[in-house]
Amino acid sequence: MKTVLAYGDSLTWGYDPVHLGRHAYEDRWTSVLQKSLGHGVRVIAEGLNGRTTAYDDHLADCERNGAKLLPSVLATHKPLDLVIIMLGTNDLKRGIQGTAIAATNGVKRLVKLVHHHDWGFDFETPDVLIVAPPPTCETAHGLFGPLFNHALEEAAMLASLYRDAADELGCSFYDAGSVAKTTALDGIHLDADNTRAIGRGLESVVRMMLGL
């Protein structure tokens, strides 16, 4: 049995911008990926709304700093064969960081936490797949527009910067924006079709990384 940890934010949790609430289980990209990989692989969906790569959100009702949470999550679910990291959109929020460089530095920190984690029990260090989230788009949404519209150019830079970071750190890379587009309903989230598309798009990459 191979085990994959998907570490992300609301795009991994499955936030539904059309009906509000959460996408049906079968529509979430992690579920699509799980189904496509079959019974020999377990995909753990670790998504949290508002999660950043490595930055504090002092207005949150829970811990959203991904770097603070990741070591405990790794220890909870080990051994792991692959860690998929798809974060960075919330780093662009006003009051968090607001730049693609900051998000990239945060992703690098997360990768290093995986690489240097105390795995114990002779468990091997898992491979890491960095996934750039689909770029945000302009929206008239009363909440998300003021939070994210200022950073549209920064969001468009994430894929290029994340690809370079993956090369630097010896990780694999996937651009989710190559198969999925955010909706103008709120500028940052995905409808059911687009979130399913990420799961389908990742299948071949994950199969190769797991040696399936």
N, C-alpha and C. Protein backbone atom coordinates (compact mmCIF):
# COMPACT_ATOMS: atom_id res chain seq x y z
N MET A 1 0.83 -1.20 0.00
CA MET A 1 0.00 0.00 0.00
C MET A 1 0.87 1.25 0.00
N LYS A 2 0.67 2.12 -0.96
CA LYS A 2 1.35 3.40 -1.02
C LYS A 2 0.47 4.46 -0.36
N THR A 3 1.11 5.42 0.32
CA THR A 3 0.35 6.46 1.02
C THR A 3 0.79 7.83 0.53
N VAL A 4 -0.20 8.64 0.14
CA VAL A 4 0.03 10.00 -0.37
C VAL A 4 -0.66 10.98 0.56
N LEU A 5 0.07 11.99 1.00
CA LEU A 5 -0.51 13.07 1.80
C LEU A 5 -0.70 14.30 0.91
N ALA A 6 -1.93 14.79 0.80
CA ALA A 6 -2.23 16.00 0.05
C ALA A 6 -2.41 17.14 1.05
N TYR A 7 -1.44 18.04 1.09
CA TYR A 7 -1.40 19.11 2.09
C TYR A 7 -1.76 20.43 1.40
N GLY A 8 -2.94 20.97 1.75
CA GLY A 8 -3.38 22.15 1.04
C GLY A 8 -4.35 23.01 1.82
N ASP A 9 -5.06 23.86 1.08
CA ASP A 9 -5.99 24.81 1.68
C ASP A 9 -7.41 24.49 1.26
N SER A 10 -8.22 25.51 1.00
CA SER A 10 -9.63 25.27 0.65
C SER A 10 -9.79 24.57 -0.68
N LEU A 11 -8.81 24.68 -1.58
CA LEU A 11 -8.89 23.96 -2.85
C LEU A 11 -8.77 22.45 -2.63
N THR A 12 -8.08 22.06 -1.58
CA THR A 12 -7.95 20.65 -1.22
C THR A 12 -9.10 20.22 -0.31
N TRP A 13 -9.55 21.11 0.54
CA TRP A 13 -10.71 20.84 1.39
C TRP A 13 -11.96 20.63 0.54
N GLY A 14 -12.05 21.42 -0.55
CA GLY A 14 -13.17 21.28 -1.46
C GLY A 14 -14.23 22.34 -1.31
N TYR A 15 -13.81 23.59 -1.10
CA TYR A 15 -14.77 24.69 -0.96
C TYR A 15 -15.55 24.87 -2.27
N ASP A 16 -16.87 24.95 -2.15
CA ASP A 16 -17.75 25.06 -3.31
C ASP A 16 -18.24 26.51 -3.46
N PRO A 17 -17.70 27.25 -4.44
CA PRO A 17 -18.09 28.65 -4.60
C PRO A 17 -19.44 28.85 -5.28
N VAL A 18 -19.97 27.78 -5.84
CA VAL A 18 -21.26 27.88 -6.54
C VAL A 18 -22.42 27.73 -5.55
N HIS A 19 -22.41 26.65 -4.78
CA HIS A 19 -23.49 26.38 -3.84
C HIS A 19 -23.12 26.76 -2.41
N LEU A 20 -21.88 27.15 -2.23
CA LEU A 20 -21.31 27.45 -0.90
C LEU A 20 -21.31 26.18 -0.05
N GLY A 21 -20.38 26.11 0.86
CA GLY A 21 -20.20 24.87 1.60
C GLY A 21 -19.06 24.05 1.00
N ARG A 22 -19.25 22.76 0.88
CA ARG A 22 -18.18 21.85 0.47
C ARG A 22 -18.63 20.98 -0.70
N HIS A 23 -17.73 20.79 -1.66
CA HIS A 23 -18.04 19.90 -2.77
C HIS A 23 -18.34 18.50 -2.24
N ALA A 24 -19.18 17.78 -2.97
CA ALA A 24 -19.42 16.38 -2.64
C ALA A 24 -18.10 15.63 -2.62
N TYR A 25 -18.01 14.62 -1.78
CA TYR A 25 -16.75 13.89 -1.61
C TYR A 25 -16.19 13.43 -2.95
N GLU A 26 -17.03 12.93 -3.82
CA GLU A 26 -16.55 12.38 -5.08
C GLU A 26 -16.06 13.44 -6.05
N ASP A 27 -16.38 14.71 -5.80
CA ASP A 27 -15.96 15.79 -6.69
C ASP A 27 -14.64 16.43 -6.27
N ARG A 28 -14.15 16.15 -5.09
CA ARG A 28 -12.90 16.76 -4.63
C ARG A 28 -11.72 16.14 -5.38
N TRP A 29 -10.71 16.93 -5.68
CA TRP A 29 -9.61 16.42 -6.51
C TRP A 29 -8.89 15.25 -5.84
N THR A 30 -8.81 15.27 -4.52
CA THR A 30 -8.16 14.17 -3.82
C THR A 30 -8.93 12.87 -4.00
N SER A 31 -10.26 12.96 -4.03
CA SER A 31 -11.09 11.77 -4.22
C SER A 31 -10.97 11.24 -5.65
N VAL A 32 -10.92 12.14 -6.62
CA VAL A 32 -10.74 11.74 -8.01
C VAL A 32 -9.40 11.05 -8.19
N LEU A 33 -8.36 11.61 -7.56
CA LEU A 33 -7.04 11.01 -7.64
C LEU A 33 -7.04 9.63 -6.98
N GLN A 34 -7.66 9.53 -5.80
CA GLN A 34 -7.74 8.25 -5.11
C GLN A 34 -8.41 7.19 -5.97
N LYS A 35 -9.53 7.52 -6.57
CA LYS A 35 -10.27 6.56 -7.40
C LYS A 35 -9.46 6.12 -8.61
N SER A 36 -8.76 7.07 -9.22
CA SER A 36 -8.00 6.74 -10.42
C SER A 36 -6.79 5.87 -10.11
N LEU A 37 -6.21 6.02 -8.93
CA LEU A 37 -5.03 5.25 -8.55
C LEU A 37 -5.37 3.85 -8.07
N GLY A 38 -6.59 3.66 -7.58
CA GLY A 38 -7.03 2.34 -7.18
C GLY A 38 -6.73 1.98 -5.74
N HIS A 39 -7.01 0.75 -5.39
CA HIS A 39 -6.95 0.31 -3.99
C HIS A 39 -5.53 0.16 -3.46
N GLY A 40 -4.54 0.19 -4.33
CA GLY A 40 -3.17 0.05 -3.85
C GLY A 40 -2.55 1.33 -3.33
N VAL A 41 -3.33 2.42 -3.39
CA VAL A 41 -2.84 3.73 -2.94
C VAL A 41 -3.88 4.37 -2.03
N ARG A 42 -3.42 4.95 -0.95
CA ARG A 42 -4.30 5.70 -0.05
C ARG A 42 -3.93 7.17 -0.13
N VAL A 43 -4.89 8.03 -0.49
CA VAL A 43 -4.68 9.47 -0.57
C VAL A 43 -5.32 10.12 0.65
N ILE A 44 -4.50 10.76 1.47
CA ILE A 44 -4.98 11.44 2.67
C ILE A 44 -5.20 12.91 2.33
N ALA A 45 -6.45 13.37 2.41
CA ALA A 45 -6.79 14.75 2.09
C ALA A 45 -6.65 15.61 3.34
N GLU A 46 -5.62 16.42 3.38
CA GLU A 46 -5.35 17.29 4.52
C GLU A 46 -5.49 18.74 4.05
N GLY A 47 -6.74 19.17 3.86
CA GLY A 47 -7.02 20.53 3.40
C GLY A 47 -7.65 21.35 4.50
N LEU A 48 -7.27 22.61 4.59
CA LEU A 48 -7.81 23.53 5.60
C LEU A 48 -8.07 24.88 4.97
N ASN A 49 -9.29 25.36 5.08
CA ASN A 49 -9.62 26.67 4.54
C ASN A 49 -8.72 27.75 5.13
N GLY A 50 -8.16 28.59 4.26
CA GLY A 50 -7.34 29.70 4.73
C GLY A 50 -5.90 29.36 5.06
N ARG A 51 -5.49 28.10 4.92
CA ARG A 51 -4.11 27.73 5.28
C ARG A 51 -3.10 28.46 4.41
N THR A 52 -2.07 28.98 5.03
CA THR A 52 -0.95 29.61 4.34
C THR A 52 0.21 28.62 4.28
N THR A 53 1.26 28.99 3.56
CA THR A 53 2.45 28.15 3.56
C THR A 53 3.15 28.20 4.92
N ALA A 54 3.47 29.39 5.36
CA ALA A 54 4.29 29.51 6.58
C ALA A 54 4.05 30.81 7.33
N TYR A 55 2.86 31.39 7.17
CA TYR A 55 2.60 32.71 7.75
C TYR A 55 1.38 32.68 8.65
N ASP A 56 1.42 33.49 9.70
CA ASP A 56 0.34 33.54 10.68
C ASP A 56 -0.84 34.35 10.17
N ASP A 57 -2.02 33.89 10.51
CA ASP A 57 -3.25 34.62 10.28
C ASP A 57 -3.88 34.87 11.64
N HIS A 58 -3.70 36.07 12.17
CA HIS A 58 -4.09 36.34 13.54
C HIS A 58 -5.60 36.51 13.71
N LEU A 59 -6.33 36.55 12.61
CA LEU A 59 -7.79 36.67 12.70
C LEU A 59 -8.49 35.32 12.59
N ALA A 60 -7.74 34.26 12.38
CA ALA A 60 -8.33 32.94 12.18
C ALA A 60 -8.79 32.33 13.50
N ASP A 61 -9.78 31.44 13.40
CA ASP A 61 -10.27 30.75 14.59
C ASP A 61 -9.55 29.42 14.81
N CYS A 62 -8.51 29.16 14.01
CA CYS A 62 -7.71 27.95 14.16
C CYS A 62 -6.32 28.25 13.62
N GLU A 63 -5.37 27.34 13.82
CA GLU A 63 -4.01 27.54 13.35
C GLU A 63 -3.94 27.30 11.85
N ARG A 64 -3.61 28.34 11.09
CA ARG A 64 -3.57 28.24 9.63
C ARG A 64 -2.16 28.32 9.07
N ASN A 65 -1.17 28.46 9.92
CA ASN A 65 0.22 28.50 9.47
C ASN A 65 0.66 27.08 9.11
N GLY A 66 0.83 26.84 7.81
CA GLY A 66 1.15 25.49 7.35
C GLY A 66 2.45 24.94 7.88
N ALA A 67 3.43 25.81 8.10
CA ALA A 67 4.73 25.35 8.60
C ALA A 67 4.63 24.90 10.05
N LYS A 68 3.75 25.52 10.82
CA LYS A 68 3.58 25.11 12.22
C LYS A 68 2.85 23.77 12.32
N LEU A 69 1.94 23.52 11.40
CA LEU A 69 1.12 22.32 11.47
C LEU A 69 1.77 21.10 10.81
N LEU A 70 2.59 21.33 9.78
CA LEU A 70 3.06 20.21 8.97
C LEU A 70 3.81 19.14 9.75
N PRO A 71 4.75 19.46 10.64
CA PRO A 71 5.46 18.39 11.34
C PRO A 71 4.53 17.44 12.09
N SER A 72 3.50 17.97 12.73
CA SER A 72 2.55 17.11 13.44
C SER A 72 1.75 16.25 12.48
N VAL A 73 1.39 16.83 11.33
CA VAL A 73 0.65 16.06 10.33
C VAL A 73 1.52 14.93 9.78
N LEU A 74 2.78 15.22 9.52
CA LEU A 74 3.69 14.18 9.03
C LEU A 74 3.83 13.06 10.06
N ALA A 75 3.98 13.42 11.32
CA ALA A 75 4.13 12.42 12.36
C ALA A 75 2.86 11.60 12.53
N THR A 76 1.71 12.21 12.32
CA THR A 76 0.44 11.50 12.46
C THR A 76 0.26 10.43 11.39
N HIS A 77 0.66 10.74 10.17
CA HIS A 77 0.33 9.86 9.04
C HIS A 77 1.50 9.02 8.53
N LYS A 78 2.69 9.16 9.10
CA LYS A 78 3.83 8.39 8.59
C LYS A 78 3.61 6.90 8.80
N PRO A 79 4.20 6.05 7.93
CA PRO A 79 5.10 6.39 6.83
C PRO A 79 4.33 6.88 5.61
N LEU A 80 4.99 7.74 4.84
CA LEU A 80 4.41 8.31 3.64
C LEU A 80 5.33 8.05 2.45
N ASP A 81 4.73 7.86 1.29
CA ASP A 81 5.51 7.68 0.08
C ASP A 81 5.62 8.96 -0.74
N LEU A 82 4.64 9.84 -0.58
CA LEU A 82 4.61 11.08 -1.35
C LEU A 82 3.84 12.14 -0.58
N VAL A 83 4.38 13.36 -0.58
CA VAL A 83 3.69 14.52 -0.01
C VAL A 83 3.43 15.51 -1.14
N ILE A 84 2.16 15.81 -1.37
CA ILE A 84 1.76 16.81 -2.36
C ILE A 84 1.46 18.10 -1.62
N ILE A 85 2.13 19.18 -2.00
CA ILE A 85 1.91 20.48 -1.38
C ILE A 85 1.30 21.42 -2.40
N MET A 86 0.06 21.85 -2.14
CA MET A 86 -0.59 22.83 -3.00
C MET A 86 -1.10 23.98 -2.12
N LEU A 87 -0.25 24.95 -1.94
CA LEU A 87 -0.54 26.11 -1.08
C LEU A 87 0.03 27.36 -1.73
N GLY A 88 -0.35 28.51 -1.20
CA GLY A 88 0.21 29.78 -1.66
C GLY A 88 -0.82 30.85 -1.94
N THR A 89 -2.04 30.44 -2.31
CA THR A 89 -3.06 31.44 -2.62
C THR A 89 -3.33 32.34 -1.43
N ASN A 90 -3.45 31.78 -0.24
CA ASN A 90 -3.76 32.59 0.94
C ASN A 90 -2.60 33.48 1.37
N ASP A 91 -1.40 33.14 0.93
CA ASP A 91 -0.25 34.01 1.21
C ASP A 91 -0.40 35.36 0.51
N LEU A 92 -1.17 35.38 -0.59
CA LEU A 92 -1.35 36.59 -1.38
C LEU A 92 -2.38 37.53 -0.78
N LYS A 93 -3.07 37.08 0.23
CA LYS A 93 -4.13 37.87 0.85
C LYS A 93 -3.57 39.15 1.49
N ARG A 94 -4.34 40.22 1.40
CA ARG A 94 -3.96 41.44 2.12
C ARG A 94 -3.83 41.12 3.61
N GLY A 95 -2.76 41.60 4.21
CA GLY A 95 -2.56 41.38 5.63
C GLY A 95 -1.77 40.13 5.94
N ILE A 96 -1.54 39.27 4.95
CA ILE A 96 -0.70 38.09 5.16
C ILE A 96 0.70 38.38 4.62
N GLN A 97 0.89 38.29 3.31
CA GLN A 97 2.17 38.66 2.69
C GLN A 97 1.94 39.43 1.39
N GLY A 98 1.15 38.86 0.49
CA GLY A 98 0.77 39.59 -0.71
C GLY A 98 1.69 39.44 -1.91
N THR A 99 2.73 38.59 -1.80
CA THR A 99 3.66 38.46 -2.92
C THR A 99 3.92 37.00 -3.26
N ALA A 100 4.22 36.76 -4.53
CA ALA A 100 4.55 35.42 -4.99
C ALA A 100 5.87 34.94 -4.40
N ILE A 101 6.81 35.86 -4.22
CA ILE A 101 8.10 35.49 -3.63
C ILE A 101 7.91 34.96 -2.22
N ALA A 102 7.06 35.61 -1.45
CA ALA A 102 6.79 35.15 -0.08
C ALA A 102 6.17 33.76 -0.09
N ALA A 103 5.22 33.54 -0.99
CA ALA A 103 4.60 32.23 -1.09
C ALA A 103 5.63 31.16 -1.48
N THR A 104 6.51 31.49 -2.40
CA THR A 104 7.54 30.54 -2.83
C THR A 104 8.49 30.21 -1.69
N ASN A 105 8.89 31.21 -0.94
CA ASN A 105 9.75 30.97 0.22
C ASN A 105 9.05 30.09 1.25
N GLY A 106 7.73 30.29 1.39
CA GLY A 106 6.97 29.45 2.31
C GLY A 106 6.92 28.00 1.85
N VAL A 107 6.73 27.79 0.56
CA VAL A 107 6.71 26.43 0.02
C VAL A 107 8.07 25.77 0.21
N LYS A 108 9.13 26.52 -0.01
CA LYS A 108 10.47 25.97 0.20
C LYS A 108 10.64 25.50 1.66
N ARG A 109 10.13 26.29 2.58
CA ARG A 109 10.23 25.92 3.99
C ARG A 109 9.47 24.61 4.26
N LEU A 110 8.31 24.45 3.64
CA LEU A 110 7.54 23.23 3.84
C LEU A 110 8.28 22.01 3.29
N VAL A 111 8.88 22.16 2.13
CA VAL A 111 9.64 21.05 1.55
C VAL A 111 10.80 20.66 2.47
N LYS A 112 11.47 21.66 3.00
CA LYS A 112 12.59 21.38 3.90
C LYS A 112 12.12 20.69 5.18
N LEU A 113 10.92 21.04 5.65
CA LEU A 113 10.37 20.36 6.82
C LEU A 113 10.14 18.88 6.54
N VAL A 114 9.69 18.57 5.33
CA VAL A 114 9.52 17.16 4.95
C VAL A 114 10.88 16.46 4.88
N HIS A 115 11.83 17.11 4.22
CA HIS A 115 13.15 16.50 4.02
C HIS A 115 13.88 16.27 5.33
N HIS A 116 13.67 17.15 6.31
CA HIS A 116 14.44 17.06 7.56
C HIS A 116 13.61 16.53 8.73
N HIS A 117 12.43 16.05 8.45
CA HIS A 117 11.59 15.48 9.51
C HIS A 117 12.24 14.23 10.10
N ASP A 118 12.04 14.00 11.38
CA ASP A 118 12.55 12.80 12.04
C ASP A 118 11.56 11.66 11.78
N TRP A 119 11.81 10.90 10.71
CA TRP A 119 10.86 9.88 10.30
C TRP A 119 10.90 8.65 11.19
N GLY A 120 12.06 8.30 11.72
CA GLY A 120 12.16 7.18 12.65
C GLY A 120 11.78 5.83 12.05
N PHE A 121 11.96 4.76 12.83
CA PHE A 121 11.56 3.41 12.47
C PHE A 121 12.11 2.96 11.11
N ASP A 122 13.20 3.56 10.68
CA ASP A 122 13.78 3.26 9.36
C ASP A 122 12.85 3.60 8.21
N PHE A 123 11.87 4.48 8.46
CA PHE A 123 11.00 4.95 7.38
C PHE A 123 11.79 5.86 6.45
N GLU A 124 11.55 5.71 5.16
CA GLU A 124 12.24 6.55 4.19
C GLU A 124 11.56 7.91 4.05
N THR A 125 12.34 8.92 3.71
CA THR A 125 11.79 10.24 3.45
C THR A 125 10.96 10.20 2.18
N PRO A 126 9.72 10.68 2.22
CA PRO A 126 8.88 10.62 1.02
C PRO A 126 9.32 11.62 -0.04
N ASP A 127 8.94 11.34 -1.28
CA ASP A 127 9.11 12.32 -2.34
C ASP A 127 8.13 13.47 -2.11
N VAL A 128 8.43 14.61 -2.72
CA VAL A 128 7.57 15.79 -2.60
C VAL A 128 7.18 16.27 -3.99
N LEU A 129 5.91 16.57 -4.15
CA LEU A 129 5.38 17.15 -5.38
C LEU A 129 4.82 18.53 -5.06
N ILE A 130 5.43 19.57 -5.61
CA ILE A 130 4.94 20.93 -5.43
C ILE A 130 3.92 21.21 -6.54
N VAL A 131 2.74 21.63 -6.14
CA VAL A 131 1.69 21.96 -7.10
C VAL A 131 1.36 23.44 -6.99
N ALA A 132 1.49 24.15 -8.10
CA ALA A 132 1.09 25.55 -8.13
C ALA A 132 -0.42 25.63 -8.27
N PRO A 133 -1.11 26.35 -7.38
CA PRO A 133 -2.56 26.45 -7.49
C PRO A 133 -2.96 27.26 -8.72
N PRO A 134 -4.17 27.05 -9.25
CA PRO A 134 -4.62 27.86 -10.37
C PRO A 134 -4.59 29.34 -9.99
N PRO A 135 -4.15 30.21 -10.89
CA PRO A 135 -4.08 31.64 -10.56
C PRO A 135 -5.45 32.21 -10.21
N THR A 136 -5.45 33.15 -9.29
CA THR A 136 -6.69 33.86 -8.97
C THR A 136 -7.12 34.71 -10.16
N CYS A 137 -8.39 35.05 -10.19
CA CYS A 137 -8.90 35.93 -11.24
C CYS A 137 -9.68 37.08 -10.61
N GLU A 138 -9.91 38.11 -11.37
CA GLU A 138 -10.61 39.29 -10.84
C GLU A 138 -12.05 38.93 -10.51
N THR A 139 -12.54 39.46 -9.41
CA THR A 139 -13.89 39.16 -8.96
C THR A 139 -14.53 40.39 -8.33
N ALA A 140 -15.85 40.44 -8.41
CA ALA A 140 -16.61 41.51 -7.76
C ALA A 140 -17.13 41.06 -6.40
N HIS A 141 -16.68 39.89 -5.94
CA HIS A 141 -17.13 39.36 -4.66
C HIS A 141 -16.79 40.35 -3.54
N GLY A 142 -17.75 40.59 -2.67
CA GLY A 142 -17.57 41.61 -1.64
C GLY A 142 -16.50 41.33 -0.63
N LEU A 143 -16.20 40.07 -0.37
CA LEU A 143 -15.15 39.70 0.58
C LEU A 143 -13.84 39.39 -0.12
N PHE A 144 -13.88 38.47 -1.07
CA PHE A 144 -12.65 37.98 -1.68
C PHE A 144 -12.02 39.00 -2.64
N GLY A 145 -12.84 39.84 -3.27
CA GLY A 145 -12.29 40.86 -4.16
C GLY A 145 -11.31 41.78 -3.46
N PRO A 146 -11.71 42.42 -2.36
CA PRO A 146 -10.78 43.29 -1.65
C PRO A 146 -9.55 42.58 -1.09
N LEU A 147 -9.69 41.28 -0.82
CA LEU A 147 -8.57 40.53 -0.25
C LEU A 147 -7.55 40.08 -1.28
N PHE A 148 -8.01 39.82 -2.53
CA PHE A 148 -7.13 39.17 -3.51
C PHE A 148 -6.96 39.92 -4.83
N ASN A 149 -7.85 40.83 -5.20
CA ASN A 149 -7.76 41.47 -6.52
C ASN A 149 -6.45 42.23 -6.73
N HIS A 150 -5.86 42.71 -5.65
CA HIS A 150 -4.61 43.48 -5.77
C HIS A 150 -3.43 42.61 -6.21
N ALA A 151 -3.57 41.29 -6.07
CA ALA A 151 -2.42 40.39 -6.26
C ALA A 151 -2.57 39.51 -7.50
N LEU A 152 -3.32 39.94 -8.49
CA LEU A 152 -3.53 39.10 -9.68
C LEU A 152 -2.22 38.82 -10.41
N GLU A 153 -1.37 39.82 -10.55
CA GLU A 153 -0.08 39.62 -11.21
C GLU A 153 0.82 38.70 -10.39
N GLU A 154 0.75 38.83 -9.09
CA GLU A 154 1.56 37.96 -8.22
C GLU A 154 1.10 36.51 -8.36
N ALA A 155 -0.21 36.31 -8.40
CA ALA A 155 -0.75 34.95 -8.53
C ALA A 155 -0.30 34.30 -9.83
N ALA A 156 -0.21 35.09 -10.88
CA ALA A 156 0.20 34.56 -12.18
C ALA A 156 1.67 34.14 -12.19
N MET A 157 2.45 34.60 -11.22
CA MET A 157 3.87 34.27 -11.15
C MET A 157 4.15 32.97 -10.40
N LEU A 158 3.17 32.47 -9.68
CA LEU A 158 3.43 31.33 -8.79
C LEU A 158 3.97 30.11 -9.52
N ALA A 159 3.37 29.76 -10.66
CA ALA A 159 3.78 28.54 -11.34
C ALA A 159 5.25 28.58 -11.74
N SER A 160 5.69 29.69 -12.30
CA SER A 160 7.09 29.81 -12.72
C SER A 160 8.03 29.74 -11.52
N LEU A 161 7.69 30.45 -10.46
CA LEU A 161 8.54 30.46 -9.27
C LEU A 161 8.56 29.10 -8.58
N TYR A 162 7.41 28.44 -8.54
CA TYR A 162 7.35 27.12 -7.91
C TYR A 162 8.14 26.09 -8.72
N ARG A 163 8.10 26.21 -10.04
CA ARG A 163 8.88 25.28 -10.88
C ARG A 163 10.37 25.44 -10.57
N ASP A 164 10.82 26.68 -10.45
CA ASP A 164 12.23 26.91 -10.12
C ASP A 164 12.57 26.38 -8.74
N ALA A 165 11.65 26.55 -7.79
CA ALA A 165 11.88 26.05 -6.44
C ALA A 165 11.98 24.53 -6.43
N ALA A 166 11.14 23.88 -7.21
CA ALA A 166 11.18 22.42 -7.29
C ALA A 166 12.51 21.94 -7.86
N ASP A 167 13.00 22.61 -8.88
CA ASP A 167 14.31 22.27 -9.45
C ASP A 167 15.41 22.45 -8.41
N GLU A 168 15.33 23.53 -7.67
CA GLU A 168 16.34 23.83 -6.65
C GLU A 168 16.36 22.78 -5.55
N LEU A 169 15.19 22.30 -5.16
CA LEU A 169 15.08 21.41 -4.01
C LEU A 169 15.01 19.93 -4.39
N GLY A 170 15.07 19.63 -5.68
CA GLY A 170 15.03 18.24 -6.11
C GLY A 170 13.66 17.61 -5.98
N CYS A 171 12.61 18.42 -6.17
CA CYS A 171 11.23 17.94 -6.10
C CYS A 171 10.62 17.87 -7.49
N SER A 172 9.45 17.27 -7.56
CA SER A 172 8.67 17.31 -8.79
C SER A 172 7.72 18.50 -8.74
N PHE A 173 7.21 18.88 -9.92
CA PHE A 173 6.35 20.06 -10.01
C PHE A 173 5.18 19.78 -10.94
N TYR A 174 4.03 20.37 -10.59
CA TYR A 174 2.86 20.30 -11.45
C TYR A 174 2.12 21.64 -11.37
N ASP A 175 1.70 22.13 -12.52
CA ASP A 175 0.95 23.39 -12.60
C ASP A 175 -0.53 23.08 -12.71
N ALA A 176 -1.27 23.24 -11.60
CA ALA A 176 -2.71 22.96 -11.63
C ALA A 176 -3.45 23.93 -12.54
N GLY A 177 -2.85 25.09 -12.78
CA GLY A 177 -3.46 26.06 -13.67
C GLY A 177 -3.47 25.60 -15.12
N SER A 178 -2.75 24.53 -15.43
CA SER A 178 -2.74 24.00 -16.80
C SER A 178 -4.02 23.21 -17.10
N VAL A 179 -4.76 22.83 -16.05
CA VAL A 179 -5.98 22.04 -16.26
C VAL A 179 -7.21 22.64 -15.59
N ALA A 180 -7.02 23.62 -14.71
CA ALA A 180 -8.14 24.15 -13.94
C ALA A 180 -8.08 25.67 -13.87
N LYS A 181 -9.26 26.29 -13.84
CA LYS A 181 -9.37 27.74 -13.77
C LYS A 181 -10.26 28.13 -12.59
N THR A 182 -9.88 29.18 -11.89
CA THR A 182 -10.70 29.69 -10.81
C THR A 182 -11.94 30.38 -11.38
N THR A 183 -12.97 30.49 -10.56
CA THR A 183 -14.21 31.10 -11.00
C THR A 183 -14.28 32.56 -10.57
N ALA A 184 -14.84 33.40 -11.43
CA ALA A 184 -15.02 34.82 -11.11
C ALA A 184 -16.06 35.04 -10.02
N LEU A 185 -16.78 33.99 -9.62
CA LEU A 185 -17.74 34.14 -8.53
C LEU A 185 -17.06 34.66 -7.27
N ASP A 186 -15.84 34.15 -7.00
CA ASP A 186 -15.09 34.69 -5.86
C ASP A 186 -13.61 34.88 -6.15
N GLY A 187 -13.16 34.50 -7.35
CA GLY A 187 -11.80 34.78 -7.77
C GLY A 187 -10.74 33.79 -7.38
N ILE A 188 -11.02 32.89 -6.43
CA ILE A 188 -9.96 32.02 -5.92
C ILE A 188 -10.33 30.53 -5.89
N HIS A 189 -11.62 30.22 -5.91
CA HIS A 189 -12.03 28.83 -5.75
C HIS A 189 -12.42 28.19 -7.07
N LEU A 190 -12.73 26.89 -7.01
CA LEU A 190 -12.99 26.09 -8.20
C LEU A 190 -14.38 25.49 -8.15
N ASP A 191 -15.05 25.48 -9.31
CA ASP A 191 -16.30 24.73 -9.39
C ASP A 191 -15.98 23.25 -9.44
N ALA A 192 -17.01 22.40 -9.45
CA ALA A 192 -16.80 20.95 -9.36
C ALA A 192 -16.00 20.43 -10.54
N ASP A 193 -16.29 20.90 -11.75
CA ASP A 193 -15.58 20.42 -12.93
C ASP A 193 -14.08 20.70 -12.83
N ASN A 194 -13.74 21.88 -12.37
CA ASN A 194 -12.33 22.26 -12.32
C ASN A 194 -11.58 21.59 -11.18
N THR A 195 -12.25 21.36 -10.07
CA THR A 195 -11.53 20.65 -9.00
C THR A 195 -11.32 19.19 -9.36
N ARG A 196 -12.29 18.58 -10.06
CA ARG A 196 -12.09 17.21 -10.55
C ARG A 196 -10.95 17.15 -11.55
N ALA A 197 -10.80 18.19 -12.34
CA ALA A 197 -9.75 18.21 -13.37
C ALA A 197 -8.36 18.12 -12.76
N ILE A 198 -8.17 18.69 -11.59
CA ILE A 198 -6.86 18.61 -10.94
C ILE A 198 -6.55 17.16 -10.57
N GLY A 199 -7.53 16.45 -10.04
CA GLY A 199 -7.32 15.04 -9.71
C GLY A 199 -6.95 14.22 -10.93
N ARG A 200 -7.65 14.46 -12.04
CA ARG A 200 -7.34 13.72 -13.27
C ARG A 200 -5.96 14.10 -13.79
N GLY A 201 -5.63 15.38 -13.73
CA GLY A 201 -4.35 15.83 -14.24
C GLY A 201 -3.17 15.30 -13.46
N LEU A 202 -3.35 15.11 -12.15
CA LEU A 202 -2.26 14.65 -11.30
C LEU A 202 -2.01 13.14 -11.41
N GLU A 203 -2.96 12.40 -11.93
CA GLU A 203 -2.85 10.95 -11.92
C GLU A 203 -1.55 10.45 -12.53
N SER A 204 -1.21 10.88 -13.73
CA SER A 204 -0.03 10.35 -14.40
C SER A 204 1.25 10.73 -13.67
N VAL A 205 1.29 11.95 -13.12
CA VAL A 205 2.47 12.40 -12.38
C VAL A 205 2.66 11.55 -11.13
N VAL A 206 1.57 11.36 -10.39
CA VAL A 206 1.65 10.60 -9.15
C VAL A 206 1.98 9.14 -9.42
N ARG A 207 1.40 8.57 -10.47
CA ARG A 207 1.72 7.18 -10.82
C ARG A 207 3.22 7.03 -11.08
N MET A 208 3.79 7.97 -11.81
CA MET A 208 5.21 7.90 -12.11
C MET A 208 6.04 8.01 -10.84
N MET A 209 5.66 8.94 -9.96
CA MET A 209 6.43 9.15 -8.75
C MET A 209 6.34 7.96 -7.80
N LEU A 210 5.21 7.26 -7.82
CA LEU A 210 5.04 6.09 -6.94
C LEU A 210 5.55 4.80 -7.58
N GLY A 211 5.95 4.89 -8.85
CA GLY A 211 6.43 3.71 -9.55
C GLY A 211 5.34 2.72 -9.88
N LEU A 212 4.15 3.22 -10.18
CA LEU A 212 3.01 2.34 -10.48
C LEU A 212 2.89 2.06 -11.97
